[in-house]
Amino acid sequence: MEKTEIKIYTAEDGKTTVEVRLENDTVWLNQNQLAHLFETERSVINKHILNIYQSGELDETATCAKIAQVQSDD
């Protein structure tokens, strides 16, 4: 089993930072992280993910973790 690593990427201007989890050669981001990366709302990311599942491009059971979305009140 490979180790899980956390990597932190920061844009050259220092304004954007994204933490990603690397596990078994796969990069994992939650919907909030994807929204931050693409400078959009989480609902837009959710819509795209649902379209990917409906089209059969990806299998939801293989790509979706069974954990709750938790949002901090920053």
N, C-alpha and C. Protein backbone atom coordinates (compact mmCIF):
# COMPACT_ATOMS: atom_id res chain seq x y z
N MET A 1 0.84 -1.18 0.00
CA MET A 1 0.00 0.00 0.00
C MET A 1 0.89 1.25 0.00
N GLU A 2 0.57 2.17 -0.86
CA GLU A 2 1.32 3.41 -0.92
C GLU A 2 0.89 4.36 0.19
N LYS A 3 1.79 5.25 0.57
CA LYS A 3 1.47 6.25 1.58
C LYS A 3 0.58 7.33 0.97
N THR A 4 -0.25 7.92 1.80
CA THR A 4 -1.04 9.07 1.40
C THR A 4 -0.25 10.33 1.75
N GLU A 5 -0.15 11.24 0.80
CA GLU A 5 0.58 12.48 1.02
C GLU A 5 -0.35 13.66 0.83
N ILE A 6 -0.07 14.74 1.52
CA ILE A 6 -0.76 16.00 1.31
C ILE A 6 0.24 16.95 0.67
N LYS A 7 -0.13 17.51 -0.46
CA LYS A 7 0.72 18.49 -1.15
C LYS A 7 0.01 19.83 -1.14
N ILE A 8 0.77 20.88 -1.01
CA ILE A 8 0.21 22.24 -1.03
C ILE A 8 0.83 22.98 -2.20
N TYR A 9 -0.04 23.45 -3.09
CA TYR A 9 0.39 24.21 -4.25
C TYR A 9 -0.04 25.65 -4.08
N THR A 10 0.90 26.57 -4.33
CA THR A 10 0.60 27.99 -4.22
C THR A 10 0.97 28.66 -5.54
N ALA A 11 0.05 29.49 -6.05
CA ALA A 11 0.31 30.23 -7.29
C ALA A 11 1.47 31.19 -7.07
N GLU A 12 2.10 31.57 -8.15
CA GLU A 12 3.24 32.48 -8.07
C GLU A 12 2.90 33.79 -7.39
N ASP A 13 1.67 34.28 -7.58
CA ASP A 13 1.27 35.54 -6.96
C ASP A 13 0.89 35.35 -5.49
N GLY A 14 0.85 34.10 -5.00
CA GLY A 14 0.54 33.82 -3.61
C GLY A 14 -0.93 33.91 -3.25
N LYS A 15 -1.78 34.22 -4.22
CA LYS A 15 -3.20 34.42 -3.94
C LYS A 15 -3.99 33.11 -3.90
N THR A 16 -3.53 32.10 -4.60
CA THR A 16 -4.26 30.84 -4.67
C THR A 16 -3.41 29.73 -4.09
N THR A 17 -3.97 29.02 -3.13
CA THR A 17 -3.33 27.86 -2.53
C THR A 17 -4.31 26.71 -2.57
N VAL A 18 -3.85 25.57 -3.02
CA VAL A 18 -4.70 24.38 -3.08
C VAL A 18 -3.96 23.23 -2.41
N GLU A 19 -4.62 22.59 -1.45
CA GLU A 19 -4.08 21.39 -0.81
C GLU A 19 -4.72 20.19 -1.49
N VAL A 20 -3.92 19.23 -1.89
CA VAL A 20 -4.44 18.02 -2.53
C VAL A 20 -3.93 16.80 -1.78
N ARG A 21 -4.71 15.74 -1.84
CA ARG A 21 -4.32 14.47 -1.24
C ARG A 21 -3.90 13.55 -2.37
N LEU A 22 -2.71 12.98 -2.25
CA LEU A 22 -2.20 12.04 -3.24
C LEU A 22 -2.26 10.64 -2.64
N GLU A 23 -2.95 9.74 -3.34
CA GLU A 23 -3.09 8.38 -2.85
C GLU A 23 -3.08 7.42 -4.04
N ASN A 24 -2.12 6.51 -4.06
CA ASN A 24 -2.02 5.51 -5.13
C ASN A 24 -2.02 6.17 -6.51
N ASP A 25 -1.18 7.17 -6.70
CA ASP A 25 -1.04 7.88 -7.97
C ASP A 25 -2.30 8.61 -8.41
N THR A 26 -3.19 8.94 -7.47
CA THR A 26 -4.41 9.67 -7.77
C THR A 26 -4.45 10.94 -6.93
N VAL A 27 -4.83 12.05 -7.56
CA VAL A 27 -4.99 13.31 -6.85
C VAL A 27 -6.45 13.46 -6.46
N TRP A 28 -6.72 13.73 -5.18
CA TRP A 28 -8.07 13.86 -4.68
C TRP A 28 -8.33 15.29 -4.24
N LEU A 29 -9.41 15.88 -4.75
CA LEU A 29 -9.88 17.20 -4.32
C LEU A 29 -11.35 17.07 -3.99
N ASN A 30 -11.79 17.79 -2.97
CA ASN A 30 -13.23 17.81 -2.72
C ASN A 30 -13.86 18.92 -3.58
N GLN A 31 -15.18 19.01 -3.56
CA GLN A 31 -15.86 19.99 -4.41
C GLN A 31 -15.46 21.42 -4.08
N ASN A 32 -15.27 21.72 -2.82
CA ASN A 32 -14.87 23.09 -2.45
C ASN A 32 -13.47 23.40 -2.98
N GLN A 33 -12.57 22.43 -2.93
CA GLN A 33 -11.22 22.64 -3.47
C GLN A 33 -11.25 22.83 -4.98
N LEU A 34 -12.07 22.03 -5.68
CA LEU A 34 -12.21 22.20 -7.13
C LEU A 34 -12.78 23.58 -7.47
N ALA A 35 -13.78 24.01 -6.73
CA ALA A 35 -14.38 25.32 -6.97
C ALA A 35 -13.34 26.42 -6.77
N HIS A 36 -12.53 26.29 -5.75
CA HIS A 36 -11.48 27.28 -5.50
C HIS A 36 -10.45 27.27 -6.64
N LEU A 37 -10.05 26.08 -7.05
CA LEU A 37 -9.06 25.94 -8.12
C LEU A 37 -9.54 26.58 -9.42
N PHE A 38 -10.82 26.37 -9.76
CA PHE A 38 -11.37 26.88 -11.01
C PHE A 38 -12.12 28.21 -10.85
N GLU A 39 -12.01 28.80 -9.66
CA GLU A 39 -12.60 30.11 -9.38
C GLU A 39 -14.08 30.16 -9.76
N THR A 40 -14.84 29.22 -9.20
CA THR A 40 -16.27 29.13 -9.45
C THR A 40 -16.97 28.71 -8.17
N GLU A 41 -18.27 28.51 -8.23
CA GLU A 41 -19.06 28.08 -7.08
C GLU A 41 -19.08 26.55 -7.00
N ARG A 42 -19.24 26.02 -5.80
CA ARG A 42 -19.31 24.58 -5.61
C ARG A 42 -20.49 23.97 -6.37
N SER A 43 -21.59 24.71 -6.48
CA SER A 43 -22.76 24.19 -7.19
C SER A 43 -22.45 23.93 -8.67
N VAL A 44 -21.56 24.72 -9.25
CA VAL A 44 -21.16 24.51 -10.65
C VAL A 44 -20.36 23.21 -10.77
N ILE A 45 -19.47 22.99 -9.82
CA ILE A 45 -18.68 21.75 -9.80
C ILE A 45 -19.61 20.56 -9.64
N ASN A 46 -20.56 20.67 -8.71
CA ASN A 46 -21.52 19.58 -8.47
C ASN A 46 -22.30 19.25 -9.74
N LYS A 47 -22.74 20.27 -10.47
CA LYS A 47 -23.48 20.06 -11.72
C LYS A 47 -22.64 19.30 -12.74
N HIS A 48 -21.38 19.68 -12.88
CA HIS A 48 -20.49 19.00 -13.83
C HIS A 48 -20.25 17.55 -13.41
N ILE A 49 -20.07 17.32 -12.12
CA ILE A 49 -19.86 15.95 -11.64
C ILE A 49 -21.09 15.09 -11.91
N LEU A 50 -22.27 15.62 -11.64
CA LEU A 50 -23.50 14.88 -11.91
C LEU A 50 -23.63 14.54 -13.40
N ASN A 51 -23.27 15.49 -14.27
CA ASN A 51 -23.30 15.23 -15.71
C ASN A 51 -22.33 14.13 -16.11
N ILE A 52 -21.17 14.10 -15.49
CA ILE A 52 -20.17 13.06 -15.77
C ILE A 52 -20.71 11.69 -15.38
N TYR A 53 -21.37 11.61 -14.22
CA TYR A 53 -21.96 10.34 -13.79
C TYR A 53 -23.10 9.92 -14.70
N GLN A 54 -23.97 10.87 -15.06
CA GLN A 54 -25.12 10.55 -15.92
C GLN A 54 -24.69 10.10 -17.30
N SER A 55 -23.59 10.65 -17.81
CA SER A 55 -23.12 10.26 -19.14
C SER A 55 -22.41 8.91 -19.13
N GLY A 56 -22.07 8.41 -17.93
CA GLY A 56 -21.37 7.14 -17.83
C GLY A 56 -19.87 7.26 -17.99
N GLU A 57 -19.36 8.50 -18.08
CA GLU A 57 -17.91 8.70 -18.23
C GLU A 57 -17.15 8.14 -17.03
N LEU A 58 -17.72 8.32 -15.84
CA LEU A 58 -17.13 7.77 -14.62
C LEU A 58 -18.20 7.05 -13.82
N ASP A 59 -17.77 6.08 -13.04
CA ASP A 59 -18.67 5.35 -12.15
C ASP A 59 -18.65 6.02 -10.78
N GLU A 60 -19.82 6.43 -10.32
CA GLU A 60 -19.91 7.16 -9.06
C GLU A 60 -19.36 6.35 -7.89
N THR A 61 -19.63 5.06 -7.86
CA THR A 61 -19.16 4.25 -6.73
C THR A 61 -17.64 4.14 -6.68
N ALA A 62 -16.99 4.31 -7.81
CA ALA A 62 -15.53 4.21 -7.85
C ALA A 62 -14.84 5.55 -7.61
N THR A 63 -15.57 6.65 -7.69
CA THR A 63 -14.92 7.96 -7.62
C THR A 63 -15.46 8.87 -6.54
N CYS A 64 -16.42 8.41 -5.77
CA CYS A 64 -17.06 9.27 -4.77
C CYS A 64 -16.86 8.67 -3.39
N ALA A 65 -16.27 9.44 -2.47
CA ALA A 65 -16.07 8.97 -1.11
C ALA A 65 -17.37 9.12 -0.32
N LYS A 66 -17.58 8.21 0.60
CA LYS A 66 -18.79 8.26 1.42
C LYS A 66 -18.53 9.05 2.69
N ILE A 67 -18.16 10.32 2.53
CA ILE A 67 -17.97 11.21 3.66
C ILE A 67 -18.80 12.45 3.42
N ALA A 68 -19.16 13.12 4.49
CA ALA A 68 -20.01 14.30 4.38
C ALA A 68 -19.21 15.51 3.93
N GLN A 69 -19.88 16.39 3.19
CA GLN A 69 -19.29 17.67 2.85
C GLN A 69 -19.42 18.57 4.06
N VAL A 70 -18.33 19.05 4.57
CA VAL A 70 -18.34 19.92 5.75
C VAL A 70 -17.77 21.25 5.32
N GLN A 71 -18.48 22.30 5.64
CA GLN A 71 -18.04 23.63 5.26
C GLN A 71 -17.82 24.44 6.51
N SER A 72 -16.66 25.10 6.60
CA SER A 72 -16.37 25.92 7.76
C SER A 72 -17.03 27.28 7.61
N ASP A 73 -17.28 27.92 8.71
CA ASP A 73 -17.90 29.25 8.71
C ASP A 73 -16.83 30.31 8.86
N ASP A 74 -15.95 30.42 7.88
CA ASP A 74 -14.84 31.40 7.91
C ASP A 74 -15.34 32.80 7.76
